[in-house]
Amino acid sequence: MKRLFLLSIILPFFGTSQESTGPTSSTRTFSEDEINKSFKNPFVTIGKIPTPEGYERVQALESSFARYLRELPLKKDRTVYLFNGQPKINQDAQFAVINISVGKKDLQQCADAVMRLRAEYLYANRKYEQIRFADNAKVVYVYRSGESRNEFDLYLEKVFSFCGTLSLEKQLQKRKRMDEVNIGDVLIKGGTPGHAMLVVDMAVNKAGKKIILLSQSYMPAQDIHLVMNPEYAKISPWYIVDNEADIITPEWVFKPSQLRYW
């Protein structure tokens, strides 16, 4: 009965969600019960996830990387699966799962998921010449096969095999301050172990305070998913941007100095 009652709250809200291409005033605070992993995800895209009260999404220009990320489709099932079809052991980290292939090999891990989403955006917008990633030896892998989906998938497998957090960290530019963050930026710690997460949406309040949504893959290769905020459940999955505080995610902790951009 409890589950049916909560679903009756969530589903009508989902039906009245505003469009995600610009600022939105749709707000919602989620209870821990509502976010329980046994529930299905009611939001069809990242941009349909409501902002906390007092925050509005920043504008995302048409054909921009920010707009692409905001419009990424989400699975109804909130379960994170590994590349081999098995569910991930830890099912407490995710808020929602992005509806994009993880592949059938243990390749698309953390940095690979970031590169995948960046490459998919460029591929979708026919910006083929910009699809390029470098490995640790500074060998640059450039995509040269146009709209061929098969060749694009093979290219990504090659990139995932030779590039990682260390090489991607070197390829990206460093932000001076955390509050300079934009949609599409990357939190990254290169090395072994290392990790990378992508900023997939952002909102701001009247005082100029920013909040962000973060996505990740992990090891082994698994569905790309939006993570919960383990420190501030009342605004989860949103994270408050702070120039001084660490970014504490369910499976990794970043320093503000680890923010990068393309």
Protein backbone atom coordinates (compact mmCIF):
# COMPACT_ATOMS: atom_id res chain seq x y z
CA MET A 1 0.00 0.00 0.00
CA LYS A 2 2.81 2.39 0.87
CA ARG A 3 4.41 1.95 -2.56
CA LEU A 4 1.12 2.54 -4.37
CA PHE A 5 0.53 5.70 -2.34
CA LEU A 6 3.93 7.13 -3.21
CA LEU A 7 3.58 6.26 -6.86
CA SER A 8 0.29 8.13 -6.91
CA ILE A 9 2.28 11.19 -5.85
CA ILE A 10 5.12 10.76 -8.33
CA LEU A 11 3.24 9.88 -11.49
CA PRO A 12 0.88 12.90 -11.67
CA PHE A 13 3.88 15.16 -11.19
CA PHE A 14 5.69 13.47 -14.05
CA GLY A 15 2.73 14.14 -16.30
CA THR A 16 2.97 17.90 -15.73
CA SER A 17 6.75 18.26 -16.02
CA GLN A 18 7.93 21.30 -18.02
CA GLU A 19 10.10 21.26 -21.09
CA SER A 20 13.83 21.02 -20.40
CA THR A 21 15.32 23.17 -23.15
CA GLY A 22 15.37 26.35 -21.07
CA PRO A 23 14.81 27.54 -17.50
CA THR A 24 12.12 25.67 -15.60
CA SER A 25 10.44 26.33 -12.28
CA SER A 26 9.35 22.72 -11.68
CA THR A 27 10.53 21.92 -8.17
CA ARG A 28 10.35 18.89 -5.95
CA THR A 29 11.94 17.55 -2.78
CA PHE A 30 12.21 13.77 -2.75
CA SER A 31 11.77 11.66 0.37
CA GLU A 32 14.11 8.73 0.93
CA ASP A 33 11.18 6.36 0.37
CA GLU A 34 10.43 7.91 -3.03
CA ILE A 35 14.03 7.47 -4.12
CA ASN A 36 14.15 3.85 -2.98
CA LYS A 37 15.75 1.68 -5.63
CA SER A 38 12.65 -0.53 -5.88
CA PHE A 39 10.78 2.29 -7.63
CA LYS A 40 10.70 2.83 -11.35
CA ASN A 41 12.08 6.07 -12.74
CA PRO A 42 9.24 8.42 -13.83
CA PHE A 43 11.42 10.92 -15.72
CA VAL A 44 11.96 10.42 -19.45
CA THR A 45 15.01 12.68 -19.84
CA ILE A 46 17.60 14.33 -17.61
CA GLY A 47 15.88 17.66 -18.22
CA LYS A 48 12.65 16.35 -16.70
CA ILE A 49 14.25 15.79 -13.29
CA PRO A 50 12.88 18.63 -11.12
CA THR A 51 15.11 21.21 -9.48
CA PRO A 52 15.00 21.98 -5.76
CA GLU A 53 12.81 24.91 -4.71
CA GLY A 54 14.28 28.27 -5.67
CA TYR A 55 16.45 26.96 -8.51
CA GLU A 56 15.92 27.17 -12.26
CA ARG A 57 17.84 25.43 -15.00
CA VAL A 58 20.34 27.51 -16.94
CA GLN A 59 19.71 28.07 -20.63
CA ALA A 60 21.06 25.43 -23.01
CA LEU A 61 21.50 26.61 -26.58
CA GLU A 62 20.14 24.52 -29.42
CA SER A 63 22.70 22.02 -30.79
CA SER A 64 24.97 22.59 -27.77
CA PHE A 65 26.56 19.82 -25.72
CA ALA A 66 24.52 21.07 -22.75
CA ARG A 67 21.25 20.66 -24.66
CA TYR A 68 22.30 17.20 -25.85
CA LEU A 69 23.03 16.05 -22.29
CA ARG A 70 19.83 17.54 -20.91
CA GLU A 71 17.80 15.65 -23.50
CA LEU A 72 19.44 12.27 -22.92
CA PRO A 73 16.73 9.61 -22.43
CA LEU A 74 16.47 7.77 -19.14
CA LYS A 75 15.47 4.15 -18.63
CA LYS A 76 12.29 3.37 -16.71
CA ASP A 77 14.20 0.69 -14.81
CA ARG A 78 16.63 2.18 -12.29
CA THR A 79 18.76 -0.96 -12.12
CA VAL A 80 22.40 -0.57 -13.21
CA TYR A 81 23.62 -3.53 -15.27
CA LEU A 82 27.17 -4.54 -16.08
CA PHE A 83 28.44 -5.17 -19.62
CA ASN A 84 27.72 -8.91 -19.16
CA GLY A 85 24.06 -8.35 -18.32
CA GLN A 86 24.46 -8.94 -14.59
CA PRO A 87 23.17 -6.31 -12.14
CA LYS A 88 25.80 -4.25 -10.36
CA ILE A 89 26.34 -5.29 -6.73
CA ASN A 90 25.88 -1.74 -5.42
CA GLN A 91 22.41 -0.55 -6.46
CA ASP A 92 22.34 2.35 -3.99
CA ALA A 93 24.44 4.86 -5.93
CA GLN A 94 22.13 5.73 -8.82
CA PHE A 95 19.14 8.03 -9.17
CA ALA A 96 18.43 7.12 -12.79
CA VAL A 97 20.05 5.21 -15.67
CA ILE A 98 20.82 6.80 -19.03
CA ASN A 99 19.41 4.83 -21.95
CA ILE A 100 22.63 4.27 -23.89
CA SER A 101 24.51 1.07 -24.63
CA VAL A 102 27.30 -0.10 -22.33
CA GLY A 103 28.52 -2.57 -24.97
CA LYS A 104 29.33 -6.23 -24.42
CA LYS A 105 32.96 -5.82 -23.39
CA ASP A 106 34.49 -4.57 -20.14
CA LEU A 107 35.60 -1.33 -21.78
CA GLN A 108 33.13 1.49 -21.14
CA GLN A 109 34.19 2.38 -17.60
CA CYS A 110 34.43 5.84 -16.01
CA ALA A 111 36.52 7.97 -18.40
CA ASP A 112 35.16 5.94 -21.31
CA ALA A 113 31.59 6.95 -20.41
CA VAL A 114 32.62 10.61 -20.47
CA MET A 115 34.32 10.17 -23.86
CA ARG A 116 31.33 8.19 -25.13
CA LEU A 117 28.84 10.95 -24.37
CA ARG A 118 31.10 13.63 -25.82
CA ALA A 119 31.70 11.58 -28.97
CA GLU A 120 28.00 10.71 -29.33
CA TYR A 121 27.11 14.40 -29.21
CA LEU A 122 29.67 15.28 -31.89
CA TYR A 123 28.62 12.29 -34.00
CA ALA A 124 24.93 13.23 -33.77
CA ASN A 125 25.76 16.77 -34.92
CA ARG A 126 28.06 15.58 -37.73
CA LYS A 127 31.08 17.28 -36.16
CA TYR A 128 33.22 14.28 -37.06
CA GLU A 129 36.49 16.19 -37.26
CA GLN A 130 36.19 17.09 -33.57
CA ILE A 131 35.94 13.48 -32.43
CA ARG A 132 39.49 12.87 -31.23
CA PHE A 133 41.06 11.50 -28.06
CA ALA A 134 44.70 10.98 -27.09
CA ASP A 135 46.32 8.17 -25.12
CA ASN A 136 49.12 8.47 -22.55
CA ALA A 137 51.75 8.31 -25.30
CA LYS A 138 50.06 11.32 -26.95
CA VAL A 139 48.87 9.21 -29.87
CA VAL A 140 45.72 10.92 -31.13
CA TYR A 141 42.80 8.79 -32.31
CA VAL A 142 40.73 10.75 -34.80
CA TYR A 143 37.41 9.53 -36.16
CA ARG A 144 37.44 9.62 -39.97
CA SER A 145 34.54 7.43 -41.11
CA GLY A 146 31.65 9.85 -41.28
CA GLU A 147 28.14 8.66 -40.54
CA SER A 148 28.93 4.92 -40.53
CA ARG A 149 27.56 3.72 -37.20
CA ASN A 150 29.48 0.46 -37.36
CA GLU A 151 32.78 2.28 -37.90
CA PHE A 152 31.94 4.73 -35.13
CA ASP A 153 31.30 1.90 -32.67
CA LEU A 154 34.59 0.25 -33.63
CA TYR A 155 36.37 3.57 -33.19
CA LEU A 156 34.95 3.94 -29.67
CA GLU A 157 36.13 0.46 -28.73
CA LYS A 158 39.62 1.40 -29.81
CA VAL A 159 39.52 4.62 -27.81
CA PHE A 160 38.23 2.82 -24.73
CA SER A 161 41.06 0.30 -25.05
CA PHE A 162 43.89 2.86 -25.17
CA CYS A 163 42.60 5.98 -23.39
CA GLY A 164 41.61 6.45 -19.75
CA THR A 165 41.43 8.87 -16.83
CA LEU A 166 45.10 9.84 -17.02
CA SER A 167 45.08 10.63 -20.73
CA LEU A 168 41.69 12.36 -20.63
CA GLU A 169 42.77 14.53 -17.70
CA LYS A 170 45.72 15.73 -19.80
CA GLN A 171 43.48 16.41 -22.79
CA LEU A 172 41.05 18.63 -20.85
CA GLN A 173 41.53 22.21 -19.66
CA LYS A 174 41.50 23.08 -15.96
CA ARG A 175 38.87 25.35 -14.42
CA LYS A 176 40.23 27.93 -11.98
CA ARG A 177 37.25 27.70 -9.65
CA MET A 178 34.47 25.22 -9.05
CA ASP A 179 31.82 27.91 -9.45
CA GLU A 180 32.93 28.36 -13.07
CA VAL A 181 31.38 24.96 -13.80
CA ASN A 182 29.26 24.47 -16.92
CA ILE A 183 27.20 21.59 -18.24
CA GLY A 184 29.55 19.18 -20.01
CA ASP A 185 32.47 19.77 -17.63
CA VAL A 186 34.32 16.80 -16.15
CA LEU A 187 35.39 16.00 -12.60
CA ILE A 188 38.43 13.81 -13.05
CA LYS A 189 41.27 12.22 -11.11
CA GLY A 190 43.73 10.58 -13.46
CA GLY A 191 45.63 7.45 -12.54
CA THR A 192 45.17 4.01 -11.07
CA PRO A 193 42.92 4.22 -9.25
CA GLY A 194 41.26 7.17 -10.92
CA HIS A 195 37.75 8.25 -11.71
CA ALA A 196 35.80 10.65 -13.95
CA MET A 197 32.27 12.01 -13.80
CA LEU A 198 30.38 14.27 -16.19
CA VAL A 199 28.27 17.33 -15.30
CA VAL A 200 25.04 16.62 -17.20
CA ASP A 201 22.83 19.49 -16.03
CA MET A 202 22.93 22.64 -13.94
CA ALA A 203 20.54 25.05 -12.24
CA VAL A 204 20.98 28.35 -10.40
CA ASN A 205 19.06 30.38 -7.81
CA LYS A 206 18.53 34.15 -7.61
CA ALA A 207 21.67 34.54 -5.51
CA GLY A 208 23.71 32.92 -8.28
CA LYS A 209 24.31 29.67 -6.37
CA LYS A 210 24.74 26.73 -8.73
CA ILE A 211 23.72 23.10 -8.38
CA ILE A 212 24.67 20.28 -10.75
CA LEU A 213 23.77 16.72 -11.74
CA LEU A 214 26.57 14.16 -12.16
CA SER A 215 26.76 10.98 -14.23
CA GLN A 216 29.24 8.12 -14.17
CA SER A 217 30.14 4.63 -15.24
CA TYR A 218 32.45 2.55 -13.05
CA MET A 219 34.33 -0.73 -12.85
CA PRO A 220 33.44 -3.19 -14.26
CA ALA A 221 31.92 -1.46 -17.30
CA GLN A 222 28.30 -0.64 -16.50
CA ASP A 223 25.29 1.46 -17.49
CA ILE A 224 25.96 5.19 -17.35
CA HIS A 225 23.87 6.57 -14.51
CA LEU A 226 23.08 9.74 -12.57
CA VAL A 227 24.30 9.46 -9.01
CA MET A 228 22.56 10.23 -5.75
CA ASN A 229 23.84 12.90 -3.38
CA PRO A 230 24.77 10.90 -0.25
CA GLU A 231 25.39 14.02 1.87
CA TYR A 232 22.27 16.07 1.13
CA ALA A 233 19.32 13.74 0.61
CA LYS A 234 16.81 16.60 0.53
CA ILE A 235 18.16 17.90 -2.78
CA SER A 236 19.46 14.59 -4.19
CA PRO A 237 20.42 13.96 -6.97
CA TRP A 238 21.54 17.61 -7.18
CA TYR A 239 24.92 18.75 -5.80
CA ILE A 240 25.60 22.23 -4.43
CA VAL A 241 28.62 23.88 -6.08
CA ASP A 242 31.18 25.03 -3.52
CA ASN A 243 34.68 26.35 -4.19
CA GLU A 244 36.05 24.92 -0.96
CA ALA A 245 34.17 21.70 -0.19
CA ASP A 246 34.96 18.27 -1.58
CA ILE A 247 32.41 16.74 -3.96
CA ILE A 248 31.37 13.59 -2.11
CA THR A 249 29.65 11.13 -4.45
CA PRO A 250 28.47 7.60 -3.59
CA GLU A 251 31.64 5.92 -4.86
CA TRP A 252 34.28 8.66 -5.12
CA VAL A 253 35.37 11.98 -3.59
CA PHE A 254 36.66 14.80 -5.80
CA LYS A 255 38.45 18.04 -4.99
CA PRO A 256 37.08 21.27 -6.55
CA SER A 257 40.49 21.63 -8.24
CA GLN A 258 39.77 18.50 -10.29
CA LEU A 259 37.20 20.21 -12.51
CA ARG A 260 38.06 20.25 -16.21
CA TYR A 261 36.42 21.40 -19.44
CA TRP A 262 36.67 20.61 -23.17
